[in-house]
Amino acid sequence: MPPPRDPSSGQTAEEIERYYRNVKIGDPAAIRTSQYGRLEIKITTVSNINPEAGSIHLNDDAVWGGVAYSVESGKSYYATSGQSSLIVPNESVTAWAKANPRGTPEY
């Protein structure tokens, strides 16, 4: 059986930015991390919002990248060129994360 596909592959940068510009503290968030042929998606919640800086903070950190993210780019403030970024935690993303809690190789 082939590994599960990336459920966020159809999400656009505009869709992701629109979602995170409108979140409130306590809303769900999703962090997508890909490295060395592995994909991991972590579902967490928004813990702080700074509209002036265009940033949000999450309750949980990524495997790499910390808890602070740019709303515009979706990238981590701690590792802007890293492999962790925000995605929209829609139904397919949350279902994938639940079914693959440790991620999956060769996505």
N, C-alpha and C. Protein backbone atom coordinates (compact mmCIF):
# COMPACT_ATOMS: atom_id res chain seq x y z
N MET A 1 0.84 -1.18 0.00
CA MET A 1 0.00 0.00 0.00
C MET A 1 0.89 1.24 0.00
N PRO A 2 0.64 2.22 -0.90
CA PRO A 2 1.46 3.42 -0.93
C PRO A 2 1.20 4.29 0.29
N PRO A 3 2.19 5.10 0.68
CA PRO A 3 1.99 5.98 1.84
C PRO A 3 0.93 7.04 1.53
N PRO A 4 0.28 7.58 2.55
CA PRO A 4 -0.73 8.61 2.34
C PRO A 4 -0.14 9.85 1.68
N ARG A 5 -0.90 10.45 0.79
CA ARG A 5 -0.46 11.68 0.14
C ARG A 5 -0.57 12.87 1.10
N ASP A 6 0.13 13.93 0.75
CA ASP A 6 0.09 15.16 1.54
C ASP A 6 -1.30 15.80 1.41
N PRO A 7 -2.06 15.88 2.49
CA PRO A 7 -3.41 16.43 2.40
C PRO A 7 -3.45 17.94 2.20
N SER A 8 -2.31 18.60 2.34
CA SER A 8 -2.27 20.05 2.16
C SER A 8 -1.77 20.46 0.78
N SER A 9 -1.51 19.50 -0.09
CA SER A 9 -0.89 19.82 -1.38
C SER A 9 -1.72 20.76 -2.24
N GLY A 10 -3.03 20.79 -2.06
CA GLY A 10 -3.88 21.68 -2.86
C GLY A 10 -4.08 23.06 -2.25
N GLN A 11 -3.55 23.31 -1.07
CA GLN A 11 -3.73 24.60 -0.42
C GLN A 11 -2.82 25.65 -1.04
N THR A 12 -3.36 26.84 -1.27
CA THR A 12 -2.58 27.93 -1.84
C THR A 12 -2.05 28.84 -0.73
N ALA A 13 -1.02 29.62 -1.05
CA ALA A 13 -0.47 30.57 -0.09
C ALA A 13 -1.54 31.59 0.33
N GLU A 14 -2.37 32.00 -0.62
CA GLU A 14 -3.42 32.97 -0.33
C GLU A 14 -4.46 32.39 0.63
N GLU A 15 -4.84 31.13 0.42
CA GLU A 15 -5.81 30.46 1.29
C GLU A 15 -5.26 30.34 2.72
N ILE A 16 -3.99 29.97 2.83
CA ILE A 16 -3.37 29.82 4.15
C ILE A 16 -3.28 31.17 4.86
N GLU A 17 -2.83 32.21 4.13
CA GLU A 17 -2.74 33.54 4.73
C GLU A 17 -4.12 34.04 5.17
N ARG A 18 -5.13 33.85 4.34
CA ARG A 18 -6.49 34.30 4.68
C ARG A 18 -6.98 33.61 5.97
N TYR A 19 -6.73 32.31 6.09
CA TYR A 19 -7.16 31.59 7.29
C TYR A 19 -6.48 32.18 8.53
N TYR A 20 -5.15 32.34 8.48
CA TYR A 20 -4.43 32.77 9.68
C TYR A 20 -4.60 34.26 9.98
N ARG A 21 -4.98 35.07 9.02
CA ARG A 21 -5.28 36.48 9.31
C ARG A 21 -6.58 36.62 10.09
N ASN A 22 -7.42 35.59 10.03
CA ASN A 22 -8.73 35.66 10.68
C ASN A 22 -8.87 34.77 11.91
N VAL A 23 -7.79 34.11 12.35
CA VAL A 23 -7.90 33.23 13.52
C VAL A 23 -8.01 34.04 14.80
N LYS A 24 -8.52 33.39 15.80
CA LYS A 24 -8.60 33.96 17.14
C LYS A 24 -7.88 33.01 18.10
N ILE A 25 -7.52 33.51 19.26
CA ILE A 25 -6.86 32.67 20.26
C ILE A 25 -7.77 31.47 20.56
N GLY A 26 -7.17 30.29 20.54
CA GLY A 26 -7.91 29.05 20.78
C GLY A 26 -8.34 28.34 19.51
N ASP A 27 -8.27 29.02 18.36
CA ASP A 27 -8.63 28.37 17.09
C ASP A 27 -7.59 27.33 16.71
N PRO A 28 -7.99 26.32 15.94
CA PRO A 28 -7.02 25.30 15.52
C PRO A 28 -6.01 25.83 14.52
N ALA A 29 -4.83 25.23 14.56
CA ALA A 29 -3.75 25.55 13.62
C ALA A 29 -3.07 24.23 13.26
N ALA A 30 -2.39 24.23 12.13
CA ALA A 30 -1.68 23.02 11.71
C ALA A 30 -0.29 23.40 11.21
N ILE A 31 0.71 22.63 11.64
CA ILE A 31 2.09 22.83 11.22
C ILE A 31 2.49 21.65 10.34
N ARG A 32 2.96 21.96 9.14
CA ARG A 32 3.44 20.93 8.21
C ARG A 32 4.96 20.95 8.23
N THR A 33 5.57 19.81 8.51
CA THR A 33 7.03 19.68 8.52
C THR A 33 7.43 18.57 7.57
N SER A 34 8.32 18.89 6.66
CA SER A 34 8.84 17.87 5.75
C SER A 34 10.36 17.94 5.78
N GLN A 35 10.97 16.80 5.99
CA GLN A 35 12.43 16.74 6.05
C GLN A 35 12.87 15.30 5.84
N TYR A 36 13.92 15.13 5.03
CA TYR A 36 14.49 13.81 4.76
C TYR A 36 13.44 12.82 4.25
N GLY A 37 12.53 13.29 3.39
CA GLY A 37 11.53 12.41 2.81
C GLY A 37 10.39 12.04 3.74
N ARG A 38 10.29 12.70 4.89
CA ARG A 38 9.21 12.42 5.84
C ARG A 38 8.26 13.61 5.89
N LEU A 39 7.02 13.33 6.14
CA LEU A 39 6.02 14.37 6.31
C LEU A 39 5.37 14.19 7.68
N GLU A 40 5.29 15.28 8.42
CA GLU A 40 4.59 15.27 9.71
C GLU A 40 3.68 16.48 9.76
N ILE A 41 2.47 16.28 10.25
CA ILE A 41 1.52 17.37 10.44
C ILE A 41 1.08 17.35 11.90
N LYS A 42 1.25 18.49 12.55
CA LYS A 42 0.87 18.61 13.97
C LYS A 42 -0.32 19.57 14.07
N ILE A 43 -1.36 19.12 14.73
CA ILE A 43 -2.52 19.97 14.99
C ILE A 43 -2.36 20.57 16.38
N THR A 44 -2.52 21.89 16.46
CA THR A 44 -2.36 22.60 17.72
C THR A 44 -3.39 23.73 17.75
N THR A 45 -3.21 24.69 18.64
CA THR A 45 -4.12 25.83 18.73
C THR A 45 -3.33 27.13 18.80
N VAL A 46 -3.98 28.21 18.44
CA VAL A 46 -3.37 29.54 18.47
C VAL A 46 -3.37 30.03 19.92
N SER A 47 -2.20 30.48 20.39
CA SER A 47 -2.09 30.96 21.77
C SER A 47 -1.96 32.47 21.87
N ASN A 48 -1.51 33.13 20.80
CA ASN A 48 -1.33 34.58 20.83
C ASN A 48 -1.36 35.10 19.40
N ILE A 49 -1.85 36.32 19.24
CA ILE A 49 -1.94 36.96 17.92
C ILE A 49 -1.33 38.34 18.03
N ASN A 50 -0.49 38.72 17.07
CA ASN A 50 0.08 40.06 17.02
C ASN A 50 -0.16 40.62 15.61
N PRO A 51 -1.33 41.25 15.38
CA PRO A 51 -1.65 41.74 14.04
C PRO A 51 -0.67 42.79 13.52
N GLU A 52 -0.14 43.63 14.42
CA GLU A 52 0.80 44.67 13.99
C GLU A 52 2.07 44.06 13.40
N ALA A 53 2.55 42.99 14.00
CA ALA A 53 3.76 42.32 13.51
C ALA A 53 3.43 41.26 12.46
N GLY A 54 2.16 40.94 12.32
CA GLY A 54 1.77 39.91 11.36
C GLY A 54 2.21 38.53 11.80
N SER A 55 2.12 38.28 13.11
CA SER A 55 2.57 36.99 13.61
C SER A 55 1.52 36.34 14.51
N ILE A 56 1.64 35.02 14.63
CA ILE A 56 0.83 34.28 15.58
C ILE A 56 1.76 33.34 16.34
N HIS A 57 1.35 32.99 17.54
CA HIS A 57 2.07 32.01 18.34
C HIS A 57 1.13 30.83 18.58
N LEU A 58 1.72 29.65 18.63
CA LEU A 58 0.95 28.43 18.79
C LEU A 58 1.24 27.80 20.15
N ASN A 59 0.35 26.95 20.61
CA ASN A 59 0.54 26.27 21.89
C ASN A 59 1.60 25.18 21.82
N ASP A 60 1.82 24.61 20.65
CA ASP A 60 2.82 23.55 20.48
C ASP A 60 3.80 23.96 19.40
N ASP A 61 5.02 23.46 19.50
CA ASP A 61 6.01 23.78 18.48
C ASP A 61 6.11 22.66 17.45
N ALA A 62 6.76 22.99 16.35
CA ALA A 62 7.01 22.00 15.31
C ALA A 62 8.22 21.16 15.70
N VAL A 63 8.46 20.11 14.94
CA VAL A 63 9.67 19.31 15.15
C VAL A 63 10.87 20.24 15.06
N TRP A 64 10.87 21.11 14.06
CA TRP A 64 11.88 22.15 13.88
C TRP A 64 11.12 23.44 13.62
N GLY A 65 11.45 24.51 14.32
CA GLY A 65 10.85 25.78 13.96
C GLY A 65 10.18 26.59 15.04
N GLY A 66 9.94 26.06 16.20
CA GLY A 66 9.40 26.86 17.28
C GLY A 66 7.90 27.09 17.19
N VAL A 67 7.41 28.14 17.88
CA VAL A 67 5.98 28.39 18.01
C VAL A 67 5.51 29.68 17.34
N ALA A 68 6.41 30.54 16.88
CA ALA A 68 6.03 31.82 16.28
C ALA A 68 6.09 31.72 14.76
N TYR A 69 5.00 32.17 14.10
CA TYR A 69 4.90 32.06 12.65
C TYR A 69 4.44 33.36 12.03
N SER A 70 4.91 33.64 10.83
CA SER A 70 4.46 34.78 10.04
C SER A 70 3.11 34.44 9.42
N VAL A 71 2.15 35.33 9.57
CA VAL A 71 0.83 35.12 8.96
C VAL A 71 0.94 35.23 7.44
N GLU A 72 1.78 36.14 6.96
CA GLU A 72 1.90 36.36 5.52
C GLU A 72 2.54 35.18 4.80
N SER A 73 3.67 34.68 5.31
CA SER A 73 4.39 33.62 4.61
C SER A 73 4.07 32.22 5.15
N GLY A 74 3.57 32.15 6.38
CA GLY A 74 3.33 30.85 7.00
C GLY A 74 4.59 30.20 7.54
N LYS A 75 5.72 30.88 7.42
CA LYS A 75 7.01 30.32 7.86
C LYS A 75 7.28 30.65 9.32
N SER A 76 8.10 29.82 9.93
CA SER A 76 8.50 30.01 11.30
C SER A 76 9.41 31.23 11.42
N TYR A 77 9.23 32.02 12.48
CA TYR A 77 10.13 33.14 12.73
C TYR A 77 11.51 32.66 13.18
N TYR A 78 11.58 31.46 13.74
CA TYR A 78 12.85 30.94 14.24
C TYR A 78 13.67 30.25 13.16
N ALA A 79 13.02 29.79 12.11
CA ALA A 79 13.70 29.07 11.02
C ALA A 79 13.00 29.41 9.72
N THR A 80 13.23 30.63 9.22
CA THR A 80 12.49 31.12 8.05
C THR A 80 12.76 30.33 6.78
N SER A 81 13.89 29.67 6.70
CA SER A 81 14.17 28.86 5.52
C SER A 81 14.04 27.37 5.84
N GLY A 82 13.43 27.07 6.97
CA GLY A 82 13.29 25.69 7.41
C GLY A 82 12.14 24.95 6.74
N GLN A 83 11.91 23.75 7.20
CA GLN A 83 10.94 22.87 6.58
C GLN A 83 9.56 22.90 7.25
N SER A 84 9.37 23.77 8.23
CA SER A 84 8.08 23.84 8.93
C SER A 84 7.32 25.08 8.49
N SER A 85 6.03 24.90 8.21
CA SER A 85 5.18 26.02 7.82
C SER A 85 3.74 25.74 8.21
N LEU A 86 2.95 26.80 8.24
CA LEU A 86 1.55 26.67 8.58
C LEU A 86 0.75 26.17 7.38
N ILE A 87 -0.27 25.37 7.65
CA ILE A 87 -1.26 24.98 6.66
C ILE A 87 -2.63 25.12 7.31
N VAL A 88 -3.68 25.12 6.52
CA VAL A 88 -5.04 25.23 7.05
C VAL A 88 -5.45 23.88 7.63
N PRO A 89 -5.91 23.87 8.88
CA PRO A 89 -6.30 22.60 9.51
C PRO A 89 -7.71 22.17 9.11
N ASN A 90 -7.91 21.93 7.82
CA ASN A 90 -9.23 21.50 7.36
C ASN A 90 -9.47 20.03 7.72
N GLU A 91 -10.60 19.50 7.31
CA GLU A 91 -10.97 18.14 7.70
C GLU A 91 -9.97 17.09 7.22
N SER A 92 -9.50 17.21 5.98
CA SER A 92 -8.56 16.20 5.46
C SER A 92 -7.20 16.28 6.16
N VAL A 93 -6.77 17.49 6.50
CA VAL A 93 -5.49 17.66 7.21
C VAL A 93 -5.58 17.08 8.62
N THR A 94 -6.65 17.38 9.34
CA THR A 94 -6.77 16.86 10.70
C THR A 94 -6.95 15.34 10.71
N ALA A 95 -7.67 14.80 9.73
CA ALA A 95 -7.83 13.35 9.64
C ALA A 95 -6.49 12.68 9.35
N TRP A 96 -5.69 13.27 8.46
CA TRP A 96 -4.37 12.73 8.12
C TRP A 96 -3.47 12.74 9.36
N ALA A 97 -3.48 13.86 10.09
CA ALA A 97 -2.64 13.98 11.29
C ALA A 97 -3.04 12.95 12.35
N LYS A 98 -4.33 12.70 12.49
CA LYS A 98 -4.80 11.72 13.46
C LYS A 98 -4.40 10.30 13.04
N ALA A 99 -4.47 10.01 11.75
CA ALA A 99 -4.13 8.67 11.24
C ALA A 99 -2.63 8.43 11.20
N ASN A 100 -1.83 9.50 11.17
CA ASN A 100 -0.37 9.40 11.06
C ASN A 100 0.30 10.24 12.14
N PRO A 101 0.13 9.92 13.42
CA PRO A 101 0.64 10.78 14.50
C PRO A 101 2.16 10.93 14.51
N ARG A 102 2.88 10.00 13.93
CA ARG A 102 4.34 10.11 13.87
C ARG A 102 4.81 10.51 12.48
N GLY A 103 3.88 10.89 11.62
CA GLY A 103 4.24 11.26 10.26
C GLY A 103 4.37 10.02 9.40
N THR A 104 4.88 10.23 8.20
CA THR A 104 5.03 9.12 7.27
C THR A 104 6.21 9.37 6.34
N PRO A 105 6.92 8.33 5.96
CA PRO A 105 8.01 8.49 5.00
C PRO A 105 7.49 8.51 3.57
N GLU A 106 8.29 9.05 2.69
CA GLU A 106 8.04 8.98 1.24
C GLU A 106 6.64 9.40 0.85
N TYR A 107 6.27 10.59 1.24
CA TYR A 107 4.95 11.10 0.89
C TYR A 107 4.92 11.51 -0.54
